[in-house]
All heavy atoms as atom14 arrays in JSON, in Angstrom:
{
  "sequence": "EIKNMPNYFADYDTTVHFISEEELLKEHSE",
  "atom14_mask": [
    [1, 1, 1, 1, 1, 1, 1, 1, 1, 0, 0, 0, 0, 0],
    [1, 1, 1, 1, 1, 1, 1, 1, 0, 0, 0, 0, 0, 0],
    [1, 1, 1, 1, 1, 1, 1, 1, 1, 0, 0, 0, 0, 0],
    [1, 1, 1, 1, 1, 1, 1, 1, 0, 0, 0, 0, 0, 0],
    [1, 1, 1, 1, 1, 1, 1, 1, 0, 0, 0, 0, 0, 0],
    [1, 1, 1, 1, 1, 1, 1, 0, 0, 0, 0, 0, 0, 0],
    [1, 1, 1, 1, 1, 1, 1, 1, 0, 0, 0, 0, 0, 0],
    [1, 1, 1, 1, 1, 1, 1, 1, 1, 1, 1, 1, 0, 0],
    [1, 1, 1, 1, 1, 1, 1, 1, 1, 1, 1, 0, 0, 0],
    [1, 1, 1, 1, 1, 0, 0, 0, 0, 0, 0, 0, 0, 0],
    [1, 1, 1, 1, 1, 1, 1, 1, 0, 0, 0, 0, 0, 0],
    [1, 1, 1, 1, 1, 1, 1, 1, 1, 1, 1, 1, 0, 0],
    [1, 1, 1, 1, 1, 1, 1, 1, 0, 0, 0, 0, 0, 0],
    [1, 1, 1, 1, 1, 1, 1, 0, 0, 0, 0, 0, 0, 0],
    [1, 1, 1, 1, 1, 1, 1, 0, 0, 0, 0, 0, 0, 0],
    [1, 1, 1, 1, 1, 1, 1, 0, 0, 0, 0, 0, 0, 0],
    [1, 1, 1, 1, 1, 1, 1, 1, 1, 1, 0, 0, 0, 0],
    [1, 1, 1, 1, 1, 1, 1, 1, 1, 1, 1, 0, 0, 0],
    [1, 1, 1, 1, 1, 1, 1, 1, 0, 0, 0, 0, 0, 0],
    [1, 1, 1, 1, 1, 1, 0, 0, 0, 0, 0, 0, 0, 0],
    [1, 1, 1, 1, 1, 1, 1, 1, 1, 0, 0, 0, 0, 0],
    [1, 1, 1, 1, 1, 1, 1, 1, 1, 0, 0, 0, 0, 0],
    [1, 1, 1, 1, 1, 1, 1, 1, 1, 0, 0, 0, 0, 0],
    [1, 1, 1, 1, 1, 1, 1, 1, 0, 0, 0, 0, 0, 0],
    [1, 1, 1, 1, 1, 1, 1, 1, 0, 0, 0, 0, 0, 0],
    [1, 1, 1, 1, 1, 1, 1, 1, 1, 0, 0, 0, 0, 0],
    [1, 1, 1, 1, 1, 1, 1, 1, 1, 0, 0, 0, 0, 0],
    [1, 1, 1, 1, 1, 1, 1, 1, 1, 1, 0, 0, 0, 0],
    [1, 1, 1, 1, 1, 1, 0, 0, 0, 0, 0, 0, 0, 0],
    [1, 1, 1, 1, 1, 1, 1, 1, 1, 0, 0, 0, 0, 0]
  ],
  "atom14_positions": [
    [[-28.58, 36.89, -16.47], [-28.03, 37.1, -17.79], [-27.04, 38.37, -17.82], [-25.98, 38.27, -18.39], [-29.06, 37.25, -18.87], [-28.46, 37.07, -20.27], [-29.54, 36.84, -21.35], [-30.68, 36.5, -21.07], [-29.21, 37.05, -22.53], [0.0, 0.0, 0.0], [0.0, 0.0, 0.0], [0.0, 0.0, 0.0], [0.0, 0.0, 0.0], [0.0, 0.0, 0.0]],
    [[-27.52, 39.39, -17.16], [-26.67, 40.58, -17.09], [-25.36, 40.29, -16.32], [-24.29, 40.52, -16.77], [-27.37, 41.77, -16.39], [-28.52, 42.28, -17.25], [-26.41, 42.9, -16.06], [-29.46, 43.27, -16.54], [0.0, 0.0, 0.0], [0.0, 0.0, 0.0], [0.0, 0.0, 0.0], [0.0, 0.0, 0.0], [0.0, 0.0, 0.0], [0.0, 0.0, 0.0]],
    [[-25.51, 39.68, -15.14], [-24.37, 39.52, -14.23], [-23.33, 38.53, -14.79], [-22.17, 38.55, -14.51], [-24.83, 39.03, -12.85], [-25.55, 40.15, -12.05], [-25.91, 39.65, -10.65], [-26.45, 40.78, -9.81], [-26.79, 40.43, -8.45], [0.0, 0.0, 0.0], [0.0, 0.0, 0.0], [0.0, 0.0, 0.0], [0.0, 0.0, 0.0], [0.0, 0.0, 0.0]],
    [[-23.81, 37.67, -15.61], [-22.85, 36.59, -16.25], [-22.48, 36.87, -17.6], [-21.81, 36.07, -18.32], [-23.64, 35.21, -16.17], [-23.82, 34.72, -14.74], [-22.87, 34.52, -13.99], [-25.04, 34.63, -14.33], [0.0, 0.0, 0.0], [0.0, 0.0, 0.0], [0.0, 0.0, 0.0], [0.0, 0.0, 0.0], [0.0, 0.0, 0.0], [0.0, 0.0, 0.0]],
    [[-22.77, 38.08, -18.2], [-22.41, 38.45, -19.55], [-20.89, 38.66, -19.66], [-20.34, 39.47, -18.99], [-23.14, 39.7, -19.95], [-23.03, 40.04, -21.46], [-23.81, 41.62, -21.91], [-25.53, 41.26, -21.46], [0.0, 0.0, 0.0], [0.0, 0.0, 0.0], [0.0, 0.0, 0.0], [0.0, 0.0, 0.0], [0.0, 0.0, 0.0], [0.0, 0.0, 0.0]],
    [[-20.19, 37.8, -20.46], [-18.79, 37.93, -20.68], [-18.39, 39.26, -21.34], [-19.2, 39.77, -22.13], [-18.42, 36.69, -21.54], [-19.64, 36.34, -22.25], [-20.8, 36.74, -21.28], [0.0, 0.0, 0.0], [0.0, 0.0, 0.0], [0.0, 0.0, 0.0], [0.0, 0.0, 0.0], [0.0, 0.0, 0.0], [0.0, 0.0, 0.0], [0.0, 0.0, 0.0]],
    [[-17.25, 39.76, -21.0], [-16.68, 41.02, -21.6], [-17.44, 42.23, -21.09], [-16.97, 43.39, -21.37], [-16.66, 41.04, -23.13], [-15.91, 39.9, -23.65], [-14.81, 39.55, -23.21], [-16.39, 39.24, -24.74], [0.0, 0.0, 0.0], [0.0, 0.0, 0.0], [0.0, 0.0, 0.0], [0.0, 0.0, 0.0], [0.0, 0.0, 0.0], [0.0, 0.0, 0.0]],
    [[-18.57, 42.15, -20.47], [-19.31, 43.23, -19.99], [-19.48, 43.31, -18.39], [-19.19, 44.33, -17.76], [-20.74, 43.27, -20.6], [-20.64, 43.67, -22.08], [-20.4, 42.75, -23.12], [-20.78, 45.03, -22.5], [-20.39, 43.16, -24.44], [-20.72, 45.45, -23.77], [-20.51, 44.47, -24.82], [-20.46, 44.93, -26.1], [0.0, 0.0, 0.0], [0.0, 0.0, 0.0]],
    [[-19.99, 42.23, -17.8], [-20.36, 42.26, -16.4], [-19.83, 41.15, -15.51], [-19.69, 41.22, -14.35], [-21.85, 42.3, -16.3], [-22.51, 43.46, -16.91], [-23.14, 43.33, -18.19], [-22.58, 44.67, -16.27], [-23.75, 44.46, -18.71], [-23.16, 45.81, -16.9], [-23.76, 45.66, -18.11], [0.0, 0.0, 0.0], [0.0, 0.0, 0.0], [0.0, 0.0, 0.0]],
    [[-19.41, 40.03, -16.22], [-19.05, 38.8, -15.45], [-17.92, 39.03, -14.46], [-17.8, 38.37, -13.46], [-18.7, 37.69, -16.45], [0.0, 0.0, 0.0], [0.0, 0.0, 0.0], [0.0, 0.0, 0.0], [0.0, 0.0, 0.0], [0.0, 0.0, 0.0], [0.0, 0.0, 0.0], [0.0, 0.0, 0.0], [0.0, 0.0, 0.0], [0.0, 0.0, 0.0]],
    [[-16.94, 39.92, -14.77], [-15.76, 40.08, -13.96], [-15.93, 41.24, -12.88], [-14.97, 41.67, -12.27], [-14.54, 40.4, -14.81], [-14.18, 39.33, -15.72], [-14.36, 38.12, -15.33], [-13.75, 39.48, -16.91], [0.0, 0.0, 0.0], [0.0, 0.0, 0.0], [0.0, 0.0, 0.0], [0.0, 0.0, 0.0], [0.0, 0.0, 0.0], [0.0, 0.0, 0.0]],
    [[-17.16, 41.76, -12.73], [-17.38, 42.93, -11.83], [-18.47, 42.59, -10.81], [-19.37, 41.73, -11.06], [-17.92, 44.11, -12.7], [-16.88, 44.63, -13.73], [-16.9, 44.03, -15.01], [-16.04, 45.62, -13.47], [-16.04, 44.44, -15.92], [-15.16, 46.13, -14.47], [-15.16, 45.51, -15.7], [-14.26, 45.95, -16.65], [0.0, 0.0, 0.0], [0.0, 0.0, 0.0]],
    [[-18.39, 43.3, -9.7], [-19.52, 43.3, -8.79], [-20.55, 44.18, -9.39], [-20.42, 45.34, -9.61], [-19.07, 43.83, -7.42], [-18.2, 42.88, -6.66], [-18.32, 41.63, -6.86], [-17.37, 43.27, -5.79], [0.0, 0.0, 0.0], [0.0, 0.0, 0.0], [0.0, 0.0, 0.0], [0.0, 0.0, 0.0], [0.0, 0.0, 0.0], [0.0, 0.0, 0.0]],
    [[-21.7, 43.55, -9.76], [-22.69, 44.21, -10.5], [-24.09, 44.21, -9.75], [-24.45, 43.2, -9.24], [-23.0, 43.56, -11.83], [-21.78, 43.57, -12.63], [-24.08, 44.2, -12.67], [0.0, 0.0, 0.0], [0.0, 0.0, 0.0], [0.0, 0.0, 0.0], [0.0, 0.0, 0.0], [0.0, 0.0, 0.0], [0.0, 0.0, 0.0], [0.0, 0.0, 0.0]],
    [[-24.72, 45.36, -9.68], [-25.97, 45.55, -8.99], [-27.08, 45.86, -10.08], [-26.84, 46.76, -10.93], [-26.02, 46.68, -7.94], [-24.96, 46.34, -6.97], [-27.33, 46.73, -7.22], [0.0, 0.0, 0.0], [0.0, 0.0, 0.0], [0.0, 0.0, 0.0], [0.0, 0.0, 0.0], [0.0, 0.0, 0.0], [0.0, 0.0, 0.0], [0.0, 0.0, 0.0]],
    [[-28.18, 45.16, -9.96], [-29.3, 45.41, -10.96], [-30.47, 45.89, -10.28], [-30.98, 45.25, -9.25], [-29.61, 44.11, -11.68], [-30.71, 44.33, -12.68], [-28.38, 43.55, -12.43], [0.0, 0.0, 0.0], [0.0, 0.0, 0.0], [0.0, 0.0, 0.0], [0.0, 0.0, 0.0], [0.0, 0.0, 0.0], [0.0, 0.0, 0.0], [0.0, 0.0, 0.0]],
    [[-31.02, 47.05, -10.64], [-32.29, 47.56, -10.12], [-33.37, 47.53, -11.2], [-33.04, 48.06, -12.32], [-32.09, 49.03, -9.67], [-30.92, 49.29, -8.74], [-31.0, 48.99, -7.36], [-29.66, 49.71, -8.98], [-29.81, 49.35, -6.83], [-29.02, 49.74, -7.75], [0.0, 0.0, 0.0], [0.0, 0.0, 0.0], [0.0, 0.0, 0.0], [0.0, 0.0, 0.0]],
    [[-34.49, 47.03, -10.87], [-35.64, 47.13, -11.83], [-36.51, 48.25, -11.41], [-36.93, 48.45, -10.32], [-36.45, 45.78, -11.83], [-35.63, 44.64, -12.47], [-34.95, 43.82, -11.63], [-35.63, 44.48, -13.85], [-34.2, 42.72, -12.19], [-34.93, 43.49, -14.46], [-34.24, 42.58, -13.6], [0.0, 0.0, 0.0], [0.0, 0.0, 0.0], [0.0, 0.0, 0.0]],
    [[-36.66, 49.19, -12.38], [-37.46, 50.37, -12.13], [-38.5, 50.61, -13.24], [-38.46, 49.96, -14.28], [-36.53, 51.61, -12.05], [-35.75, 51.86, -13.34], [-35.55, 51.44, -10.9], [-34.87, 53.12, -13.37], [0.0, 0.0, 0.0], [0.0, 0.0, 0.0], [0.0, 0.0, 0.0], [0.0, 0.0, 0.0], [0.0, 0.0, 0.0], [0.0, 0.0, 0.0]],
    [[-39.35, 51.54, -13.06], [-40.35, 51.9, -14.04], [-39.77, 52.72, -15.22], [-38.69, 53.37, -15.01], [-41.52, 52.66, -13.4], [-41.09, 54.02, -13.03], [0.0, 0.0, 0.0], [0.0, 0.0, 0.0], [0.0, 0.0, 0.0], [0.0, 0.0, 0.0], [0.0, 0.0, 0.0], [0.0, 0.0, 0.0], [0.0, 0.0, 0.0], [0.0, 0.0, 0.0]],
    [[-40.46, 52.78, -16.29], [-39.94, 53.53, -17.43], [-40.01, 55.06, -17.06], [-39.18, 55.81, -17.42], [-40.87, 53.31, -18.67], [-40.38, 53.91, -19.94], [-41.13, 53.43, -21.18], [-42.22, 52.87, -20.98], [-40.67, 53.64, -22.26], [0.0, 0.0, 0.0], [0.0, 0.0, 0.0], [0.0, 0.0, 0.0], [0.0, 0.0, 0.0], [0.0, 0.0, 0.0]],
    [[-41.03, 55.44, -16.27], [-41.06, 56.84, -15.86], [-39.91, 57.19, -15.03], [-39.37, 58.37, -15.15], [-42.39, 57.06, -15.03], [-43.69, 56.96, -15.79], [-44.03, 55.5, -16.24], [-43.58, 54.6, -15.52], [-44.78, 55.3, -17.2], [0.0, 0.0, 0.0], [0.0, 0.0, 0.0], [0.0, 0.0, 0.0], [0.0, 0.0, 0.0], [0.0, 0.0, 0.0]],
    [[-39.49, 56.41, -14.03], [-38.31, 56.67, -13.2], [-37.04, 56.74, -14.07], [-36.16, 57.59, -13.82], [-38.17, 55.65, -12.13], [-37.04, 55.95, -11.12], [-36.93, 55.01, -10.03], [-37.9, 54.07, -9.9], [-36.01, 55.0, -9.27], [0.0, 0.0, 0.0], [0.0, 0.0, 0.0], [0.0, 0.0, 0.0], [0.0, 0.0, 0.0], [0.0, 0.0, 0.0]],
    [[-36.92, 55.87, -15.05], [-35.7, 55.9, -15.92], [-35.68, 57.21, -16.64], [-34.53, 57.78, -16.7], [-35.79, 54.74, -16.9], [-34.49, 54.51, -17.69], [-33.4, 53.78, -16.92], [-34.75, 53.75, -19.0], [0.0, 0.0, 0.0], [0.0, 0.0, 0.0], [0.0, 0.0, 0.0], [0.0, 0.0, 0.0], [0.0, 0.0, 0.0], [0.0, 0.0, 0.0]],
    [[-36.7, 57.68, -17.2], [-36.81, 58.89, -17.92], [-36.48, 60.07, -17.04], [-35.79, 61.1, -17.42], [-38.04, 59.04, -18.66], [-38.31, 58.13, -19.81], [-39.79, 58.22, -20.32], [-37.33, 58.38, -20.96], [0.0, 0.0, 0.0], [0.0, 0.0, 0.0], [0.0, 0.0, 0.0], [0.0, 0.0, 0.0], [0.0, 0.0, 0.0], [0.0, 0.0, 0.0]],
    [[-36.99, 60.06, -15.81], [-36.86, 61.15, -14.92], [-35.45, 61.24, -14.31], [-34.82, 62.29, -14.15], [-37.9, 61.05, -13.78], [-37.86, 62.22, -12.75], [-38.91, 62.07, -11.68], [-38.8, 63.14, -10.62], [-39.81, 62.96, -9.56], [0.0, 0.0, 0.0], [0.0, 0.0, 0.0], [0.0, 0.0, 0.0], [0.0, 0.0, 0.0], [0.0, 0.0, 0.0]],
    [[-34.91, 60.11, -13.9], [-33.65, 60.12, -13.15], [-32.44, 59.72, -13.96], [-31.32, 59.9, -13.48], [-33.81, 59.09, -11.96], [-34.94, 59.41, -11.02], [-34.81, 60.72, -10.24], [-33.63, 61.05, -10.08], [-35.81, 61.22, -9.79], [0.0, 0.0, 0.0], [0.0, 0.0, 0.0], [0.0, 0.0, 0.0], [0.0, 0.0, 0.0], [0.0, 0.0, 0.0]],
    [[-32.61, 59.11, -15.02], [-31.47, 58.55, -15.78], [-31.48, 58.9, -17.32], [-31.03, 58.12, -18.15], [-31.38, 57.08, -15.65], [-31.41, 56.6, -14.21], [-30.36, 56.69, -13.42], [-32.48, 56.05, -13.43], [-30.65, 56.27, -12.17], [-31.98, 55.84, -12.18], [0.0, 0.0, 0.0], [0.0, 0.0, 0.0], [0.0, 0.0, 0.0], [0.0, 0.0, 0.0]],
    [[-32.02, 60.07, -17.69], [-32.07, 60.48, -19.07], [-30.76, 61.08, -19.56], [-30.59, 61.09, -20.81], [-33.23, 61.39, -19.34], [-33.02, 62.64, -18.54], [0.0, 0.0, 0.0], [0.0, 0.0, 0.0], [0.0, 0.0, 0.0], [0.0, 0.0, 0.0], [0.0, 0.0, 0.0], [0.0, 0.0, 0.0], [0.0, 0.0, 0.0], [0.0, 0.0, 0.0]],
    [[-29.96, 61.62, -18.65], [-28.72, 62.18, -19.12], [-27.68, 61.07, -19.28], [-27.81, 59.99, -18.84], [-28.17, 63.15, -18.06], [-29.14, 64.36, -17.81], [-29.37, 65.17, -19.04], [-28.36, 65.48, -19.76], [-30.48, 65.71, -19.26], [0.0, 0.0, 0.0], [0.0, 0.0, 0.0], [0.0, 0.0, 0.0], [0.0, 0.0, 0.0], [0.0, 0.0, 0.0]]
  ]
}
């Protein structure tokens, strides 16, 4: 659904990583 979303991702090379909530808060809070 992410990779095929029009106007957002469909026209790009898109990589999706599934991570834990703890990792998101630690590494991607900014």
